Every structure is written in structure tokens, then in C-alpha cells.
Amino acid sequence: MPNTSWEVVNREIQRPLGFEAFSTTTNIVVGNKVVSTELANRWNQDDSFNGWFVIIRGTNNDEVVRRVTDYTGSTGTLTFAGDALGGTESGATTCEVSRLHPDDVKRAYNRARQDLFPRIAPH
């Protein structure tokens, strides 16, 4: 049976629903912003991600989820609510923005998997 990480499955499930993966341009410092020219190049409209969730997949902030409160399209800056990040990240860091909270996606996926398994498992 293939072994696919949840991170990969999550991306594939959410891509049609509104999901973007990107790398940061600058180091992440303890605070409430991440910057990505990759986002700015694709999404230059202010407020495009307001209300979405940003997921940070760094070394010191792995799996940190925060709600986006403001997006500046010209710089690719996401400002988020909640606690400041727990540590700095040096270099490019992988991040994701999603319309849906990742816990809600995982819960729905697990429910669907439980409902479907008896129908697809060999007897």
C-alpha cells in the first residue's frame, strides 16, 4: 500500500478549494508577519487572503496555524492574529495559506476514510 504523508494529502484535497503553498522571502522573526515575493508575484491584490489560515512549516514553528488578518499584495506580506511566533526561522521557510483550518480538513478526511474503508477493503 502506498505511504503518503498527511502534508501531501492535505495539499491535494485542498487545492481545488483554495490553497497555496509558498516559501518565505525573508527570515521569519518572532512576530506576526511572513513575507513572500512568490505570493506577491501570483497574488498582487491586497486582502486576497484575509480570513484565510496561514500554516508555517518551519523548524522552530512547525505546524503553526494562524488566521490571516491582512495581506499586502505588493510585498506579499501576510499579517496574522493570535500569539506571536515562538522562534525565528532563518532562510526560506515553507508556508501554506488555506481557506480551511487544517484540523477541519483532517477531521473530514478521517471521517470519509472510515466511511469508505469497508467498501474498498478486500473481503
C-alpha atoms as a PDB file:
ATOM      1  CA  MET A   1       0.000   0.000   0.000  1.00  0.00           C
ATOM      2  CA  PRO A   2       1.426   3.448  -0.845  1.00  0.00           C
ATOM      3  CA  ASN A   3       2.547   5.621   2.025  1.00  0.00           C
ATOM      4  CA  THR A   4       1.760   9.307   1.505  1.00  0.00           C
ATOM      5  CA  SER A   5       2.355  11.936   4.158  1.00  0.00           C
ATOM      6  CA  TRP A   6      -0.560  13.940   5.524  1.00  0.00           C
ATOM      7  CA  GLU A   7       1.099  17.128   4.242  1.00  0.00           C
ATOM      8  CA  VAL A   8       0.878  15.848   0.649  1.00  0.00           C
ATOM      9  CA  VAL A   9      -2.672  14.528   1.036  1.00  0.00           C
ATOM     10  CA  ASN A  10      -3.804  17.807   2.626  1.00  0.00           C
ATOM     11  CA  ARG A  11      -2.439  19.814  -0.309  1.00  0.00           C
ATOM     12  CA  GLU A  12      -4.186  17.610  -2.856  1.00  0.00           C
ATOM     13  CA  ILE A  13      -7.517  17.716  -1.025  1.00  0.00           C
ATOM     14  CA  GLN A  14      -7.475  21.493  -0.583  1.00  0.00           C
ATOM     15  CA  ARG A  15      -6.017  22.664  -3.902  1.00  0.00           C
ATOM     16  CA  PRO A  16      -9.439  22.948  -5.642  1.00  0.00           C
ATOM     17  CA  LEU A  17     -10.937  24.587  -2.531  1.00  0.00           C
ATOM     18  CA  GLY A  18      -8.395  27.389  -2.194  1.00  0.00           C
ATOM     19  CA  PHE A  19      -4.868  26.509  -1.164  1.00  0.00           C
ATOM     20  CA  GLU A  20      -1.425  27.915  -1.930  1.00  0.00           C
ATOM     21  CA  ALA A  21       1.970  26.653  -0.810  1.00  0.00           C
ATOM     22  CA  PHE A  22       4.871  29.109  -0.888  1.00  0.00           C
ATOM     23  CA  SER A  23       8.291  29.871   0.550  1.00  0.00           C
ATOM     24  CA  THR A  24       9.097  32.941   2.567  1.00  0.00           C
ATOM     25  CA  THR A  25      11.464  35.515   1.097  1.00  0.00           C
ATOM     26  CA  THR A  26      12.860  36.795   4.354  1.00  0.00           C
ATOM     27  CA  ASN A  27      13.742  35.182   7.637  1.00  0.00           C
ATOM     28  CA  ILE A  28      10.781  34.830   9.960  1.00  0.00           C
ATOM     29  CA  VAL A  29      11.357  36.724  13.172  1.00  0.00           C
ATOM     30  CA  VAL A  30       9.307  36.404  16.315  1.00  0.00           C
ATOM     31  CA  GLY A  31       6.209  38.395  15.445  1.00  0.00           C
ATOM     32  CA  ASN A  32       3.062  38.163  13.394  1.00  0.00           C
ATOM     33  CA  LYS A  33       4.122  38.506   9.726  1.00  0.00           C
ATOM     34  CA  VAL A  34       5.535  36.403   6.924  1.00  0.00           C
ATOM     35  CA  VAL A  35       6.741  37.800   3.585  1.00  0.00           C
ATOM     36  CA  SER A  36       6.919  36.039   0.222  1.00  0.00           C
ATOM     37  CA  THR A  37       7.676  37.546  -3.187  1.00  0.00           C
ATOM     38  CA  GLU A  38       6.377  34.241  -4.579  1.00  0.00           C
ATOM     39  CA  LEU A  39       2.924  35.165  -3.238  1.00  0.00           C
ATOM     40  CA  ALA A  40       3.292  38.777  -4.403  1.00  0.00           C
ATOM     41  CA  ASN A  41       4.088  37.617  -7.943  1.00  0.00           C
ATOM     42  CA  ARG A  42       0.992  35.422  -8.158  1.00  0.00           C
ATOM     43  CA  TRP A  43      -1.435  37.318  -5.903  1.00  0.00           C
ATOM     44  CA  ASN A  44      -0.843  41.079  -6.122  1.00  0.00           C
ATOM     45  CA  GLN A  45      -4.318  42.126  -4.948  1.00  0.00           C
ATOM     46  CA  ASP A  46      -4.461  43.453  -1.378  1.00  0.00           C
ATOM     47  CA  ASP A  47      -6.605  41.480   1.073  1.00  0.00           C
ATOM     48  CA  SER A  48      -6.644  38.353  -1.140  1.00  0.00           C
ATOM     49  CA  PHE A  49      -6.014  36.085   1.847  1.00  0.00           C
ATOM     50  CA  ASN A  50      -7.820  37.973   4.598  1.00  0.00           C
ATOM     51  CA  GLY A  51      -9.703  35.481   6.761  1.00  0.00           C
ATOM     52  CA  TRP A  52      -7.683  32.521   5.455  1.00  0.00           C
ATOM     53  CA  PHE A  53      -5.298  30.433   7.562  1.00  0.00           C
ATOM     54  CA  VAL A  54      -1.514  30.505   7.265  1.00  0.00           C
ATOM     55  CA  ILE A  55       0.308  27.289   8.176  1.00  0.00           C
ATOM     56  CA  ILE A  56       4.025  27.614   8.901  1.00  0.00           C
ATOM     57  CA  ARG A  57       6.154  24.511   8.424  1.00  0.00           C
ATOM     58  CA  GLY A  58       9.459  25.651   9.870  1.00  0.00           C
ATOM     59  CA  THR A  59      11.965  24.212  12.286  1.00  0.00           C
ATOM     60  CA  ASN A  60      11.005  26.361  15.275  1.00  0.00           C
ATOM     61  CA  ASN A  61       7.384  26.940  14.255  1.00  0.00           C
ATOM     62  CA  ASP A  62       6.354  23.644  12.682  1.00  0.00           C
ATOM     63  CA  GLU A  63       2.623  23.257  12.070  1.00  0.00           C
ATOM     64  CA  VAL A  64       1.840  26.706  13.491  1.00  0.00           C
ATOM     65  CA  VAL A  65      -1.606  27.829  12.276  1.00  0.00           C
ATOM     66  CA  ARG A  66      -2.799  31.434  12.442  1.00  0.00           C
ATOM     67  CA  ARG A  67      -5.718  33.383  10.922  1.00  0.00           C
ATOM     68  CA  VAL A  68      -4.654  35.998   8.331  1.00  0.00           C
ATOM     69  CA  THR A  69      -5.888  39.478   9.231  1.00  0.00           C
ATOM     70  CA  ASP A  70      -4.267  41.408   6.392  1.00  0.00           C
ATOM     71  CA  TYR A  71      -2.493  40.737   3.114  1.00  0.00           C
ATOM     72  CA  THR A  72      -0.416  43.321   1.238  1.00  0.00           C
ATOM     73  CA  GLY A  73      -0.239  42.214  -2.385  1.00  0.00           C
ATOM     74  CA  SER A  74       2.619  44.490  -3.464  1.00  0.00           C
ATOM     75  CA  THR A  75       5.023  42.906  -0.950  1.00  0.00           C
ATOM     76  CA  GLY A  76       3.428  39.512  -0.346  1.00  0.00           C
ATOM     77  CA  THR A  77       3.139  40.222   3.381  1.00  0.00           C
ATOM     78  CA  LEU A  78       0.693  38.182   5.443  1.00  0.00           C
ATOM     79  CA  THR A  79      -0.185  39.613   8.856  1.00  0.00           C
ATOM     80  CA  PHE A  80      -1.845  37.193  11.223  1.00  0.00           C
ATOM     81  CA  ALA A  81      -3.746  37.201  14.507  1.00  0.00           C
ATOM     82  CA  GLY A  82      -3.006  35.258  17.642  1.00  0.00           C
ATOM     83  CA  ASP A  83       0.163  34.688  19.561  1.00  0.00           C
ATOM     84  CA  ALA A  84       3.484  35.779  18.116  1.00  0.00           C
ATOM     85  CA  LEU A  85       5.599  33.009  16.635  1.00  0.00           C
ATOM     86  CA  GLY A  86       7.635  31.031  19.124  1.00  0.00           C
ATOM     87  CA  GLY A  87      11.004  31.340  17.428  1.00  0.00           C
ATOM     88  CA  THR A  88      12.858  32.742  14.473  1.00  0.00           C
ATOM     89  CA  GLU A  89      13.374  30.890  11.199  1.00  0.00           C
ATOM     90  CA  SER A  90      16.455  31.569   9.118  1.00  0.00           C
ATOM     91  CA  GLY A  91      16.302  31.286   5.359  1.00  0.00           C
ATOM     92  CA  ALA A  92      13.302  30.332   3.256  1.00  0.00           C
ATOM     93  CA  THR A  93      10.536  28.579   5.156  1.00  0.00           C
ATOM     94  CA  THR A  94       7.691  26.603   3.629  1.00  0.00           C
ATOM     95  CA  CYS A  95       4.264  28.047   4.385  1.00  0.00           C
ATOM     96  CA  GLU A  96       0.739  27.451   3.152  1.00  0.00           C
ATOM     97  CA  VAL A  97      -2.434  29.506   3.029  1.00  0.00           C
ATOM     98  CA  SER A  98      -5.795  27.799   3.086  1.00  0.00           C
ATOM     99  CA  ARG A  99      -9.435  28.807   3.287  1.00  0.00           C
ATOM    100  CA  LEU A 100      -9.986  25.912   5.698  1.00  0.00           C
ATOM    101  CA  HIS A 101      -8.349  25.193   9.052  1.00  0.00           C
ATOM    102  CA  PRO A 102      -6.141  22.095   8.648  1.00  0.00           C
ATOM    103  CA  ASP A 103      -7.743  20.388  11.674  1.00  0.00           C
ATOM    104  CA  ASP A 104     -11.161  20.625   9.993  1.00  0.00           C
ATOM    105  CA  VAL A 105      -9.759  19.110   6.784  1.00  0.00           C
ATOM    106  CA  LYS A 106      -8.128  16.250   8.699  1.00  0.00           C
ATOM    107  CA  ARG A 107     -11.329  15.549  10.630  1.00  0.00           C
ATOM    108  CA  ALA A 108     -13.391  15.418   7.399  1.00  0.00           C
ATOM    109  CA  TYR A 109     -10.769  13.247   5.679  1.00  0.00           C
ATOM    110  CA  ASN A 110     -10.683  10.768   8.561  1.00  0.00           C
ATOM    111  CA  ARG A 111     -14.471  10.577   8.636  1.00  0.00           C
ATOM    112  CA  ALA A 112     -14.616   9.890   4.883  1.00  0.00           C
ATOM    113  CA  ARG A 113     -11.848   7.289   5.221  1.00  0.00           C
ATOM    114  CA  GLN A 114     -13.758   5.490   7.976  1.00  0.00           C
ATOM    115  CA  ASP A 115     -16.974   5.512   5.954  1.00  0.00           C
ATOM    116  CA  LEU A 116     -15.303   4.262   2.766  1.00  0.00           C
ATOM    117  CA  PHE A 117     -12.887   1.649   4.123  1.00  0.00           C
ATOM    118  CA  PRO A 118     -15.382  -1.224   4.488  1.00  0.00           C
ATOM    119  CA  ARG A 119     -16.478  -0.696   0.894  1.00  0.00           C
ATOM    120  CA  ILE A 120     -12.986  -0.732  -0.632  1.00  0.00           C
ATOM    121  CA  ALA A 121     -11.235  -3.311   1.569  1.00  0.00           C
ATOM    122  CA  PRO A 122     -10.975  -6.861   0.238  1.00  0.00           C
ATOM    123  CA  HIS A 123     -13.238  -9.376   1.969  1.00  0.00           C
END
